[in-house]
Protein backbone atom coordinates (compact mmCIF):
# COMPACT_ATOMS: atom_id res chain seq x y z
CA MET A 1 20.10 3.78 43.90
CA LYS A 2 18.33 0.87 41.69
CA VAL A 3 16.98 1.92 38.59
CA VAL A 4 14.98 0.04 35.75
CA ILE A 5 14.60 0.14 32.34
CA TYR A 6 11.01 -0.26 30.20
CA THR A 7 11.32 -0.51 26.78
CA ARG A 8 8.77 -1.49 23.69
CA VAL A 9 7.95 -1.92 20.38
CA SER A 10 4.20 -2.68 19.33
CA THR A 11 5.15 -4.60 16.18
CA VAL A 12 6.21 -8.70 16.89
CA GLU A 13 8.47 -7.91 12.99
CA GLN A 14 10.32 -5.42 14.98
CA ALA A 15 10.78 -7.34 17.96
CA GLU A 16 12.62 -10.45 15.49
CA LYS A 17 14.28 -7.36 13.68
CA ASN A 18 15.62 -6.30 16.30
CA LYS A 19 14.56 -2.03 14.82
CA SER A 20 14.69 -0.55 18.15
CA LEU A 21 14.44 -2.20 21.36
CA GLU A 22 18.31 -2.23 21.40
CA VAL A 23 18.34 1.47 20.25
CA GLN A 24 16.13 2.69 22.79
CA GLU A 25 18.41 0.74 25.68
CA LYS A 26 21.31 2.41 24.85
CA ALA A 27 19.82 5.72 25.21
CA CYS A 28 18.49 4.79 28.26
CA ARG A 29 21.46 3.41 29.88
CA ASP A 30 23.61 6.79 28.83
CA TYR A 31 20.79 9.10 30.57
CA VAL A 32 21.36 7.07 33.89
CA ALA A 33 24.81 7.54 33.51
CA ARG A 34 24.91 11.20 32.26
CA HIS A 35 22.79 12.05 35.35
CA ASN A 36 24.27 9.67 37.86
CA LEU A 37 21.58 7.41 39.05
CA GLY A 38 22.57 4.38 39.20
CA ASP A 39 22.69 0.90 39.04
CA VAL A 40 20.15 -0.42 36.11
CA VAL A 41 18.84 -3.71 37.91
CA GLU A 42 16.28 -4.46 35.42
CA VAL A 43 15.98 -3.67 31.49
CA TYR A 44 12.22 -4.92 30.43
CA LYS A 45 11.51 -5.56 27.04
CA GLU A 46 8.04 -5.20 25.64
CA GLU A 47 7.97 -7.15 22.43
CA GLY A 48 5.32 -6.49 20.29
CA GLU A 49 2.48 -5.22 21.71
CA SER A 50 0.43 -1.67 21.76
CA ALA A 51 1.05 0.24 24.34
CA LYS A 52 -3.04 1.40 23.77
CA THR A 53 -3.28 -1.06 26.67
CA ALA A 54 -2.07 -1.58 30.09
CA ASN A 55 -2.75 -5.11 29.43
CA ARG A 56 1.14 -5.58 28.47
CA THR A 57 3.18 -8.69 29.79
CA GLN A 58 6.17 -6.85 30.45
CA LEU A 59 4.70 -4.11 32.08
CA LYS A 60 2.46 -5.80 34.28
CA ARG A 61 5.54 -7.60 34.93
CA MET A 62 7.61 -4.49 36.36
CA LEU A 63 4.67 -3.40 37.99
CA ARG A 64 4.51 -6.54 40.46
CA GLU A 65 8.15 -6.58 40.91
CA LEU A 66 8.55 -3.20 41.84
CA ALA A 67 6.04 -3.52 44.28
CA SER A 68 7.88 -6.79 45.97
CA ASP A 69 11.21 -7.49 44.61
CA HIS A 70 12.40 -4.16 43.61
CA LYS A 71 11.38 -2.53 45.72
CA GLU A 72 14.92 -0.65 46.13
CA VAL A 73 14.14 1.47 43.15
CA ARG A 74 13.36 4.83 42.31
CA HIS A 75 14.02 5.78 39.58
CA LEU A 76 12.00 4.48 35.46
CA ILE A 77 13.60 5.71 32.49
CA VAL A 78 12.08 5.04 29.50
CA PHE A 79 12.93 6.27 25.68
CA LYS A 80 9.99 8.22 25.28
CA LEU A 81 6.21 9.11 27.27
CA ASP A 82 4.59 6.92 24.43
CA ARG A 83 6.70 3.22 25.02
CA LEU A 84 5.10 3.50 28.23
CA ALA A 85 1.21 4.58 27.35
CA ARG A 86 -0.93 6.22 24.28
CA ARG A 87 -3.57 7.34 25.97
CA THR A 88 -3.58 10.10 28.59
CA GLU A 89 -5.65 8.69 31.26
CA ASP A 90 -3.35 5.23 30.86
CA HIS A 91 -0.48 7.46 31.50
CA ILE A 92 -1.92 9.06 35.09
CA ALA A 93 -3.54 5.96 36.39
CA LEU A 94 1.04 4.26 35.88
CA ALA A 95 2.39 7.77 37.39
CA ASN A 96 -0.15 7.19 39.99
CA ILE A 97 0.85 3.59 40.78
CA LEU A 98 4.85 4.75 40.53
CA VAL A 99 3.93 8.13 42.07
CA LYS A 100 2.66 4.83 45.25
CA LEU A 101 6.16 2.49 44.45
CA GLY A 102 8.33 5.80 44.59
CA VAL A 103 9.80 5.69 41.39
CA LYS A 104 10.85 9.24 39.59
CA LEU A 105 9.65 8.26 36.20
CA HIS A 106 12.50 10.20 33.27
CA SER A 107 12.14 10.02 29.63
CA ALA A 108 15.61 10.11 27.65
CA THR A 109 14.89 12.19 25.46
CA GLU A 110 12.38 14.52 26.48
CA VAL A 111 12.54 17.29 30.00
CA LEU A 112 10.11 15.60 32.81
CA GLU A 113 10.27 18.64 35.67
CA ASP A 114 8.78 17.42 39.27
CA THR A 115 7.63 20.72 39.65
CA PRO A 116 4.06 22.19 39.35
CA SER A 117 4.47 23.11 35.05
CA GLY A 118 6.97 20.14 34.94
CA LYS A 119 3.62 17.83 35.61
CA LEU A 120 1.60 19.78 32.89
CA MET A 121 4.62 19.64 30.44
CA GLU A 122 4.08 16.28 31.40
CA HIS A 123 0.61 15.38 30.59
CA ILE A 124 0.68 17.13 27.32
CA LEU A 125 3.71 14.56 25.70
CA ALA A 126 1.10 12.20 26.85
CA SER A 127 -1.91 13.55 25.47
CA PHE A 128 0.52 14.44 22.46
CA ALA A 129 1.51 11.18 22.33
CA GLU A 130 -2.55 10.22 22.29
CA PHE A 131 -3.14 12.28 19.39
CA ASP A 132 0.00 11.22 17.66
CA ASN A 133 -1.67 7.44 18.00
CA SER A 134 -5.08 8.97 16.90
CA VAL A 135 -3.98 10.68 13.58
CA ARG A 136 -2.15 6.66 12.91
CA SER A 137 -5.63 5.42 13.42
CA GLU A 138 -6.95 7.40 11.03
CA ARG A 139 -4.20 6.73 8.24
CA SER A 140 -4.89 3.32 9.18
CA ALA A 141 -8.19 3.12 8.24
CA LYS A 142 -8.36 5.85 5.35
CA GLY A 143 -5.42 4.04 3.91
CA MET A 144 -7.60 0.58 3.94
CA MET A 145 -10.21 2.30 1.86
CA ALA A 146 -8.17 3.43 -0.04
CA ARG A 147 -7.09 0.74 -1.04
CA LEU A 148 -10.08 -1.51 -1.15
CA GLN A 149 -11.35 1.61 -3.26
CA GLU A 150 -8.52 0.66 -5.32
CA GLY A 151 -9.93 -3.37 -5.49
CA GLY A 152 -6.72 -4.45 -3.01
CA TRP A 153 -8.13 -6.36 0.26
CA VAL A 154 -6.19 -5.59 3.04
CA HIS A 155 -7.64 -8.16 5.03
CA LEU A 156 -6.98 -12.06 6.30
CA ALA A 157 -7.88 -13.97 2.54
CA PRO A 158 -10.69 -16.54 2.78
CA ILE A 159 -10.16 -20.04 2.06
CA GLY A 160 -9.05 -20.73 -1.29
CA TYR A 161 -6.72 -17.70 -1.56
CA ARG A 162 -3.26 -16.51 0.34
CA ASN A 163 -2.66 -12.39 0.41
CA ILE A 164 0.35 -11.17 -1.76
CA LYS A 165 0.97 -7.68 -2.81
CA ASP A 166 0.83 -6.83 -6.93
CA SER A 167 3.90 -5.67 -8.82
CA LEU A 168 2.43 -2.12 -7.85
CA GLY A 169 2.97 -3.09 -3.85
CA ARG A 170 -1.20 -3.49 -3.55
CA PRO A 171 -3.54 -5.70 -1.58
CA THR A 172 -4.50 -8.14 -3.49
CA VAL A 173 -5.00 -12.35 -3.32
CA GLU A 174 -4.00 -15.54 -5.53
CA PRO A 175 -5.28 -18.92 -5.11
CA ASP A 176 -3.70 -21.70 -2.81
CA GLU A 177 -3.66 -25.48 -1.92
CA MET A 178 -7.50 -24.84 -1.03
CA ALA A 179 -8.79 -22.95 -3.73
CA LYS A 180 -9.96 -26.06 -6.06
CA PRO A 181 -11.60 -28.05 -3.51
CA VAL A 182 -12.92 -23.94 -2.65
CA GLN A 183 -14.08 -23.93 -6.78
CA LYS A 184 -15.95 -26.74 -6.82
CA PHE A 185 -17.98 -26.57 -4.20
CA LEU A 186 -19.28 -23.06 -4.70
CA LYS A 187 -19.30 -24.27 -8.42
CA ASP A 188 -21.63 -26.91 -7.34
CA PHE A 189 -23.94 -25.27 -5.13
CA ALA A 190 -24.55 -22.90 -7.85
CA LYS A 191 -25.72 -24.91 -9.45
CA GLY A 192 -28.82 -26.17 -7.33
CA LEU A 193 -27.55 -29.18 -6.64
CA TYR A 194 -27.65 -28.22 -2.89
CA ASN A 195 -29.02 -25.60 -0.16
CA GLN A 196 -27.86 -23.80 3.12
CA ASP A 197 -28.18 -26.49 5.44
CA ASN A 198 -26.81 -29.22 4.18
CA ALA A 199 -23.87 -27.21 2.48
CA ALA A 200 -21.53 -27.05 5.33
CA GLU A 201 -21.48 -30.70 5.99
CA LEU A 202 -20.85 -31.88 2.54
CA ALA A 203 -17.74 -28.90 2.01
CA ALA A 204 -16.19 -30.81 5.26
CA THR A 205 -16.93 -34.48 3.76
CA LYS A 206 -17.02 -34.28 -0.02
CA TYR A 207 -15.32 -31.47 -0.78
CA LYS A 208 -12.53 -31.75 2.10
CA ILE A 209 -12.05 -28.09 2.53
CA LYS A 210 -10.82 -27.27 5.57
CA ALA A 211 -9.68 -24.30 7.01
CA ARG A 212 -6.77 -22.30 8.70
CA SER A 213 -6.76 -23.48 13.02
CA TYR A 214 -6.46 -19.87 15.17
CA SER A 215 -4.82 -18.74 18.56
CA ILE A 216 -5.57 -16.15 21.08
CA VAL A 217 -2.54 -13.66 21.05
CA ASN A 218 -3.26 -10.28 22.33
CA GLY A 219 -6.91 -10.62 22.97
CA LYS A 220 -6.60 -11.36 18.67
CA ARG A 221 -7.11 -14.19 16.30
CA LYS A 222 -3.78 -14.80 15.32
CA TYR A 223 -3.85 -17.40 12.13
CA SER A 224 -1.97 -20.20 11.06
CA LYS A 225 -1.12 -20.79 7.60
CA ASN A 226 -2.34 -24.37 7.20
CA TYR A 227 -5.47 -25.41 6.35
CA ASP A 228 -5.51 -27.88 9.47
CA LYS A 229 -9.23 -28.53 10.72
CA PRO A 230 -12.57 -29.15 9.29
CA VAL A 231 -14.60 -26.04 7.84
CA GLY A 232 -16.72 -25.01 10.69
CA LYS A 233 -20.99 -23.74 9.47
CA SER A 234 -20.48 -20.08 10.05
CA THR A 235 -17.54 -19.88 7.29
CA VAL A 236 -18.41 -21.88 4.82
CA TYR A 237 -22.18 -19.46 5.21
CA SER A 238 -19.39 -16.55 4.70
CA MET A 239 -17.42 -18.54 1.50
CA LEU A 240 -21.76 -18.36 0.18
CA ARG A 241 -22.12 -14.52 0.88
CA ASN A 242 -18.15 -13.54 0.28
CA PRO A 243 -18.13 -11.50 -3.59
CA LEU A 244 -14.09 -11.88 -3.74
CA TYR A 245 -14.82 -15.55 -5.56
CA ALA A 246 -16.54 -13.75 -7.64
CA GLY A 247 -13.77 -10.87 -8.51
CA TYR A 248 -15.25 -8.24 -6.45
CA VAL A 249 -14.22 -6.75 -3.16
CA THR A 250 -16.43 -4.71 -0.22
CA GLY A 251 -16.17 -3.15 2.77
CA LYS A 252 -16.90 -0.63 4.52
CA GLY A 253 -17.35 2.97 3.25
CA ILE A 254 -17.71 0.74 -0.38
CA ASP A 255 -21.46 1.24 -1.64
CA GLU A 256 -21.50 -1.57 -3.91
CA PRO A 257 -19.21 -4.74 -5.15
CA ILE A 258 -15.73 -3.86 -6.55
CA LYS A 259 -13.78 -5.22 -9.68
CA GLY A 260 -10.88 -6.38 -7.16
CA LEU A 261 -7.03 -6.67 -8.51
CA HIS A 262 -7.11 -10.62 -8.23
CA MET A 263 -10.41 -10.29 -11.27
CA HIS A 264 -7.97 -12.95 -13.37
CA ASN A 265 -7.95 -15.23 -10.03
CA ALA A 266 -12.24 -15.32 -9.33
CA LEU A 267 -12.67 -19.29 -8.76
CA ILE A 268 -16.13 -18.34 -10.41
CA THR A 269 -17.87 -16.32 -12.60
CA LYS A 270 -20.28 -12.75 -11.75
CA ASP A 271 -23.39 -15.39 -13.11
CA GLU A 272 -22.56 -18.29 -10.76
CA PHE A 273 -22.34 -16.05 -8.11
CA ASP A 274 -25.38 -14.41 -8.32
CA ALA A 275 -26.57 -17.50 -8.88
CA ILE A 276 -25.79 -18.51 -5.33
CA GLN A 277 -27.21 -15.68 -3.38
CA MET A 278 -30.62 -16.24 -6.04
CA ILE A 279 -29.90 -20.23 -3.79
CA LEU A 280 -29.34 -18.27 -0.64
CA THR A 281 -32.05 -15.17 -0.27
CA GLY A 282 -34.73 -16.41 -2.87
CA THR A 283 -34.86 -13.64 -5.47
CA ASP A 284 -34.90 -13.59 -8.70
CA LYS A 285 -33.25 -10.91 -8.89
CA PRO A 286 -29.19 -10.36 -9.56
CA VAL A 287 -27.68 -9.73 -5.85
CA LEU A 288 -24.49 -8.04 -7.70
CA ARG A 289 -23.95 -4.98 -9.42
CA PRO A 290 -20.67 -4.54 -10.91
CA TYR A 291 -19.89 -0.82 -10.04
CA GLY A 292 -19.12 1.51 -13.61
CA VAL A 293 -20.21 -1.36 -15.80
CA ASN A 294 -20.87 1.01 -18.38
CA LYS A 295 -17.77 3.73 -18.11
CA GLU A 296 -16.31 -0.29 -18.62
CA TYR A 297 -18.32 -1.22 -21.44
CA TRP A 298 -18.03 2.35 -22.97
CA PRO A 299 -14.99 3.92 -21.79
CA LEU A 300 -15.09 6.84 -24.35
CA ARG A 301 -18.50 7.77 -22.56
CA ARG A 302 -18.74 11.71 -20.72
CA TYR A 303 -15.22 11.71 -22.24
CA LEU A 304 -15.53 12.39 -26.23
CA ARG A 305 -17.42 15.46 -27.06
CA CYS A 306 -20.05 17.31 -29.39
CA ALA A 307 -17.40 19.80 -31.55
CA TYR A 308 -21.14 21.37 -32.37
CA CYS A 309 -21.70 22.20 -28.72
CA ASN A 310 -19.09 20.70 -26.42
CA SER A 311 -21.83 18.83 -24.48
CA HIS A 312 -20.33 15.28 -23.54
CA LEU A 313 -21.42 12.42 -25.59
CA THR A 314 -23.24 9.10 -23.37
CA GLY A 315 -23.47 5.55 -25.43
CA SER A 316 -27.07 2.89 -25.47
CA ARG A 317 -28.21 0.13 -27.77
CA SER A 318 -30.40 0.08 -30.43
CA LYS A 319 -32.27 -2.57 -30.84
CA GLY A 320 -33.20 -3.03 -33.97
CA ARG A 321 -34.96 -6.21 -36.27
CA ASN A 322 -31.73 -8.82 -36.69
CA ASP A 323 -29.54 -7.39 -34.95
CA THR A 324 -29.10 -4.45 -31.36
CA TYR A 325 -26.14 -1.59 -32.91
CA GLU A 326 -24.67 0.28 -30.41
CA TYR A 327 -23.39 4.54 -30.82
CA TYR A 328 -22.48 7.40 -29.22
CA HIS A 329 -24.53 9.87 -29.14
CA CYS A 330 -25.10 13.63 -28.27
CA THR A 331 -28.36 14.20 -26.69
CA ARG A 332 -28.43 17.95 -26.39
CA CYS A 333 -27.65 19.89 -30.07
CA LYS A 334 -28.97 19.02 -33.09
CA GLY A 335 -25.49 19.47 -34.70
CA VAL A 336 -25.77 17.63 -37.97
CA LYS A 337 -27.36 19.13 -41.07
CA VAL A 338 -28.72 16.98 -43.48
CA LYS A 339 -30.68 17.16 -46.61
CA GLY A 340 -31.02 21.43 -46.16
CA GLU A 341 -33.56 22.16 -43.09
CA THR A 342 -33.50 18.63 -41.95
CA TYR A 343 -31.68 18.32 -38.41
CA LYS A 344 -29.92 14.94 -35.98
CA HIS A 345 -28.32 14.35 -32.94
CA LEU A 346 -24.81 13.49 -33.74
CA THR A 347 -24.35 9.48 -33.33
CA LEU A 348 -21.49 7.45 -34.35
CA PRO A 349 -21.16 3.96 -34.22
CA ARG A 350 -19.39 3.03 -31.04
CA GLN A 351 -16.19 0.99 -33.00
CA THR A 352 -15.65 3.83 -35.17
CA VAL A 353 -15.81 5.64 -33.06
CA HIS A 354 -12.60 2.79 -30.91
CA ASP A 355 -10.40 2.83 -34.10
CA ALA A 356 -10.92 6.72 -34.48
CA TYR A 357 -9.62 7.05 -31.27
CA LEU A 358 -7.07 4.43 -31.82
CA ARG A 359 -5.61 5.90 -34.42
CA LEU A 360 -5.09 9.30 -32.21
CA MET A 361 -3.63 7.20 -29.25
CA GLU A 362 -0.68 6.23 -31.28
CA GLY A 363 -0.04 9.60 -32.38
CA VAL A 364 0.53 10.75 -28.73
CA GLN A 365 3.33 8.13 -28.55
CA PRO A 366 6.96 9.84 -28.32
CA SER A 367 9.22 8.03 -30.45
CA VAL A 368 11.69 5.66 -28.94
CA GLY A 369 15.12 8.51 -28.95
CA ALA A 370 12.71 10.71 -27.24
CA LEU A 371 11.43 8.31 -24.84
CA ARG A 372 15.09 7.47 -23.64
CA ALA A 373 16.85 11.10 -23.26
CA PHE A 374 13.33 11.59 -20.91
CA LYS A 375 14.70 9.25 -18.83
CA GLU A 376 18.13 10.34 -18.80
CA ILE A 377 17.07 13.61 -17.91
CA VAL A 378 14.67 12.46 -15.07
CA VAL A 379 17.04 10.21 -13.68
CA ARG A 380 20.05 12.87 -13.69
CA LYS A 381 17.01 15.09 -12.13
CA TRP A 382 16.08 12.95 -9.35
CA ASN A 383 19.65 12.40 -8.32
CA ALA A 384 20.73 16.60 -8.29
CA ASP A 385 17.92 16.79 -5.73
CA TYR A 386 18.44 13.54 -3.85
CA ALA A 387 22.53 13.71 -3.89
CA ALA A 388 22.90 14.78 -0.06
CA THR A 389 20.80 11.10 0.52
CA ILE A 390 22.10 9.24 -1.78
CA ALA A 391 25.64 10.08 0.32
CA ARG A 392 24.52 10.10 3.48
CA ARG A 393 23.20 6.24 2.89
CA GLY A 394 26.49 5.67 1.16
CA SER A 395 27.95 7.06 4.81
CA VAL A 396 26.01 4.33 5.99
CA GLU A 397 26.77 1.90 4.65
CA ALA A 398 30.11 1.87 4.75
CA ASP A 399 30.07 2.06 8.43
CA ILE A 400 28.04 -0.53 8.93
CA SER A 401 30.42 -2.69 6.56
CA ALA A 402 33.14 -0.88 8.53
CA LEU A 403 31.35 -2.64 12.41
CA ASP A 404 31.26 -5.90 10.28
CA LYS A 405 35.18 -6.05 9.13
CA LYS A 406 35.58 -4.86 13.03
CA LYS A 407 33.57 -8.00 14.58
CA SER A 408 35.72 -10.10 12.16
CA ASP A 409 38.77 -8.63 12.88
CA LEU A 410 37.76 -8.93 16.11
CA ILE A 411 36.65 -12.81 15.88
CA GLU A 412 40.03 -14.25 14.34
CA MET A 413 41.45 -11.80 17.24
CA CYS A 414 40.37 -13.74 20.09
CA ARG A 415 40.95 -17.12 17.88
CA VAL A 416 44.50 -16.15 17.83
CA SER A 417 44.72 -15.35 21.12
CA THR A 418 45.39 -11.95 21.29
CA ILE A 419 42.79 -11.28 23.23
CA THR A 420 40.00 -13.23 25.43
CA GLU A 421 36.15 -14.79 24.60
CA ASP A 422 34.75 -12.04 27.68
CA GLU A 423 36.81 -9.02 26.09
CA LEU A 424 35.09 -10.30 22.26
CA LYS A 425 31.93 -10.69 23.68
CA ASN A 426 31.63 -7.16 24.72
CA GLU A 427 32.76 -5.61 22.16
CA ARG A 428 30.60 -7.83 20.41
CA ASP A 429 27.85 -6.84 22.49
CA LYS A 430 29.05 -3.04 21.91
CA ILE A 431 29.11 -3.38 17.90
CA ALA A 432 25.27 -4.86 18.01
CA ILE A 433 24.20 -2.02 19.33
CA ASP A 434 25.76 0.21 17.44
CA ARG A 435 24.76 -2.16 13.94
CA SER A 436 21.61 -1.90 15.15
CA ARG A 437 21.84 2.34 15.78
CA LEU A 438 22.83 2.53 11.90
CA GLU A 439 20.48 0.46 10.51
CA LEU A 440 17.56 1.76 11.92
CA GLU A 441 18.80 5.91 10.47
CA LEU A 442 19.12 3.75 7.12
CA LEU A 443 15.96 2.51 6.73
CA GLU A 444 14.25 5.55 7.43
CA ILE A 445 16.37 6.75 4.72
CA LYS A 446 15.99 4.10 2.60
CA GLN A 447 11.97 4.76 3.16
CA GLU A 448 13.12 8.50 1.35
CA PHE A 449 14.41 6.97 -2.20
CA ILE A 450 11.88 5.75 -4.54
CA ASP A 451 12.49 2.57 -7.13
CA THR A 452 13.27 4.83 -9.35
CA ASP A 453 14.16 2.53 -11.96
CA ARG A 454 10.26 0.52 -11.86
CA VAL A 455 8.45 3.48 -11.33
CA LEU A 456 9.88 4.92 -14.76
CA ASN A 457 10.16 1.99 -16.49
CA LEU A 458 7.04 1.44 -16.25
CA ALA A 459 5.97 5.05 -16.94
CA ILE A 460 8.38 5.26 -20.61
CA ASP A 461 6.29 1.13 -21.36
CA PHE A 462 3.29 3.34 -21.12
CA MET A 463 4.22 5.70 -22.92
CA ALA A 464 5.86 3.89 -25.92
CA ASN A 465 3.13 2.00 -25.93
CA VAL A 466 -0.02 3.44 -24.55
CA ALA A 467 -2.37 3.01 -28.34
CA SER A 468 -2.17 -0.72 -28.06
CA MET A 469 -2.54 -0.93 -24.14
CA TRP A 470 -5.39 1.05 -24.40
CA SER A 471 -6.88 -1.05 -26.93
CA THR A 472 -6.50 -4.67 -25.33
CA ALA A 473 -7.59 -3.08 -21.97
CA GLN A 474 -9.81 -4.06 -19.62
CA ASP A 475 -12.86 -1.50 -17.33
CA ASP A 476 -11.92 1.08 -15.54
CA ASP A 477 -8.07 0.47 -16.95
CA ARG A 478 -9.00 2.08 -20.36
CA VAL A 479 -9.88 5.14 -19.17
CA ARG A 480 -7.60 5.85 -16.45
CA PHE A 481 -5.14 5.68 -19.53
CA GLN A 482 -6.82 8.52 -21.81
CA TYR A 483 -6.80 10.53 -18.90
CA MET A 484 -2.92 9.94 -18.55
CA ALA A 485 -2.74 10.30 -21.92
CA LEU A 486 -5.32 13.36 -23.23
CA PRO A 487 -6.60 15.25 -19.88
CA GLU A 488 -9.41 17.18 -21.38
CA GLY A 489 -11.25 14.87 -23.36
CA VAL A 490 -11.55 16.01 -26.65
CA THR A 491 -14.51 16.41 -29.61
CA ILE A 492 -15.58 14.90 -32.06
CA ASN A 493 -17.92 15.31 -35.83
CA ALA A 494 -19.60 13.59 -37.44
CA ASN A 495 -16.83 12.84 -40.21
CA LYS A 496 -15.12 10.78 -37.11
CA LYS A 497 -12.83 13.54 -36.68
CA PHE A 498 -11.05 14.28 -33.52
CA GLY A 499 -10.30 18.67 -32.50
CA THR A 500 -7.86 19.54 -31.12
CA VAL A 501 -5.66 17.98 -27.95
CA LYS A 502 -4.19 19.23 -25.37
CA ILE A 503 -1.99 16.01 -23.99
CA GLY A 504 -0.50 15.05 -20.63
CA LEU A 505 2.35 16.68 -19.64
CA PRO A 506 4.42 14.05 -19.60
CA PHE A 507 3.82 13.35 -23.41
CA LYS A 508 3.88 16.79 -23.85
CA GLN A 509 7.51 17.06 -22.37
CA ALA A 510 8.48 14.00 -24.05
CA LYS A 511 7.46 15.43 -27.70
CA VAL A 512 9.12 18.91 -26.96
CA LEU A 513 12.87 16.44 -26.82
CA GLU A 514 11.41 14.89 -29.82
CA ALA A 515 11.62 17.59 -32.35
CA LYS A 516 14.33 19.19 -30.93
CA LEU A 517 16.14 15.62 -30.78
CA SER A 518 15.47 15.08 -34.15
CA ALA A 519 16.78 18.78 -35.42
CA SER A 520 19.92 18.26 -33.79
CA LYS A 521 20.10 14.62 -36.03
CA LYS A 522 20.82 17.26 -39.03
CA THR A 523 24.10 19.01 -36.92
CA GLN A 524 25.19 15.58 -35.22
CA SER A 525 27.77 12.86 -36.59
CA ASN A 526 27.75 9.80 -36.52
CA SER A 527 30.00 9.11 -33.80
CA GLU A 528 28.05 11.46 -31.12
CA SER A 529 25.22 9.20 -28.08
CA PHE A 530 21.72 9.61 -29.30
CA MET A 531 21.30 9.89 -25.55
CA VAL A 532 23.08 13.38 -25.39
CA THR A 533 19.87 16.38 -24.69
CA PRO A 534 20.15 18.61 -25.99
CA GLY A 535 20.78 21.94 -24.04
CA GLY A 536 17.06 23.92 -22.61
CA ILE A 537 15.55 20.83 -23.05
CA GLU A 538 14.67 20.20 -18.76
CA PRO A 539 10.52 18.95 -18.21
CA PRO A 540 9.52 21.25 -15.50
CA PHE A 541 9.76 19.27 -11.89
CA SER A 542 7.45 20.95 -9.07
CA GLY A 543 10.50 21.84 -5.75
């Protein structure tokens, strides 16, 4: 009997890097040999096409050849059913076609039986494949929304920007070679030099702005990385309305534009963007209303609490005869006693409060020695928890190295005529398959790892410099910093004195270390390392 094999990976990147096609094929061939199904006459490799649709190049070719050139084929082997289809109705349709062609479907990793219960199980497996695909899609959508809400950009970068990831791996954009002409065009438009009718032509001729060409691949546009065609009207209209150029992001699930991670790379200012929108719409009100403007200017608003009634303070400005004055104040109580029985609300100058809070943050910062010991303990704990994974990773890497050496030895043996070129080719093919399997396993192992040095160094740097970072930070970062250091907020009275504070857990553990180390230095000889952690000090970790 004759057999065909169908393998598939869903992304071009997987196909190009040979992540799993050979692994799937090997498993399918082992299944054929184990069940003595016959000779494999064809392997159909679907590279970078989704199983959400039946409109796949190799799938269509396989069905066509099963009906004409491969009529003697009686078995089709797949690695898993979800390689063939990820929707139940597609699976049933394909299964019916195979039945008509007299071809039996097999899964190398799942049990399929030609019985009523076996057919039921097959449909259940197909349904689970569809369910898994739906869950993945939902997670992907939620992940994209979460990135947008962080200020990231998950879509194709507009003209003048390129897609990148920041130091924390978050998707964002940075200016590219087309940024300067785009910036000049937008700034001139904001001055009222043009209108929408002549903007597109001028963008292409005067400012030499170009667009990326694209081709249709699997029904989707695939854009070129280079700018190689004149910009069109619709693209220019989109550019004029895109807040990304002003440093803001928007998208599905975001009511109003929020500051993007690329704010420092904005090509125009918010005022210029607003001016463009007024020209386009004829309105006299700014269109872009950045989220959290009060939170940015008043980072301690609703974070500080009144020492007299425990209510959250708010922030506001009052205009005097010669200047504008800014205050944090309580709106609920009359907590400050002045001149006998006269009371007034707790009111404190904004800058005075910020200066006092900065001194409070300086007191939260642990010593450098305590932070070094803190890092040592975290690394030690992490290494202990992941010892088995680390050992397995080393073993797999050693196996890969052994295969590479074996390959080199075979090449040398062929060079000195110890083995033939055909024998060399056969052995190299086997090594390639084994190496792909190990690389796939190594990739899965690496996903369990965290870049501990980078993450820990960032955390240590933050803890060591939290006061100065809070002082120089902009936008919502101040709010994030203060909640990491003092998560429950703090009370303040009329004398700018803060109440008892509860510091964040990492700071608390570092302070415990600081106290222990300070006490131990009295009995510690000069030859002893300051990194030797006193017994009994272990930050609490889950698990």
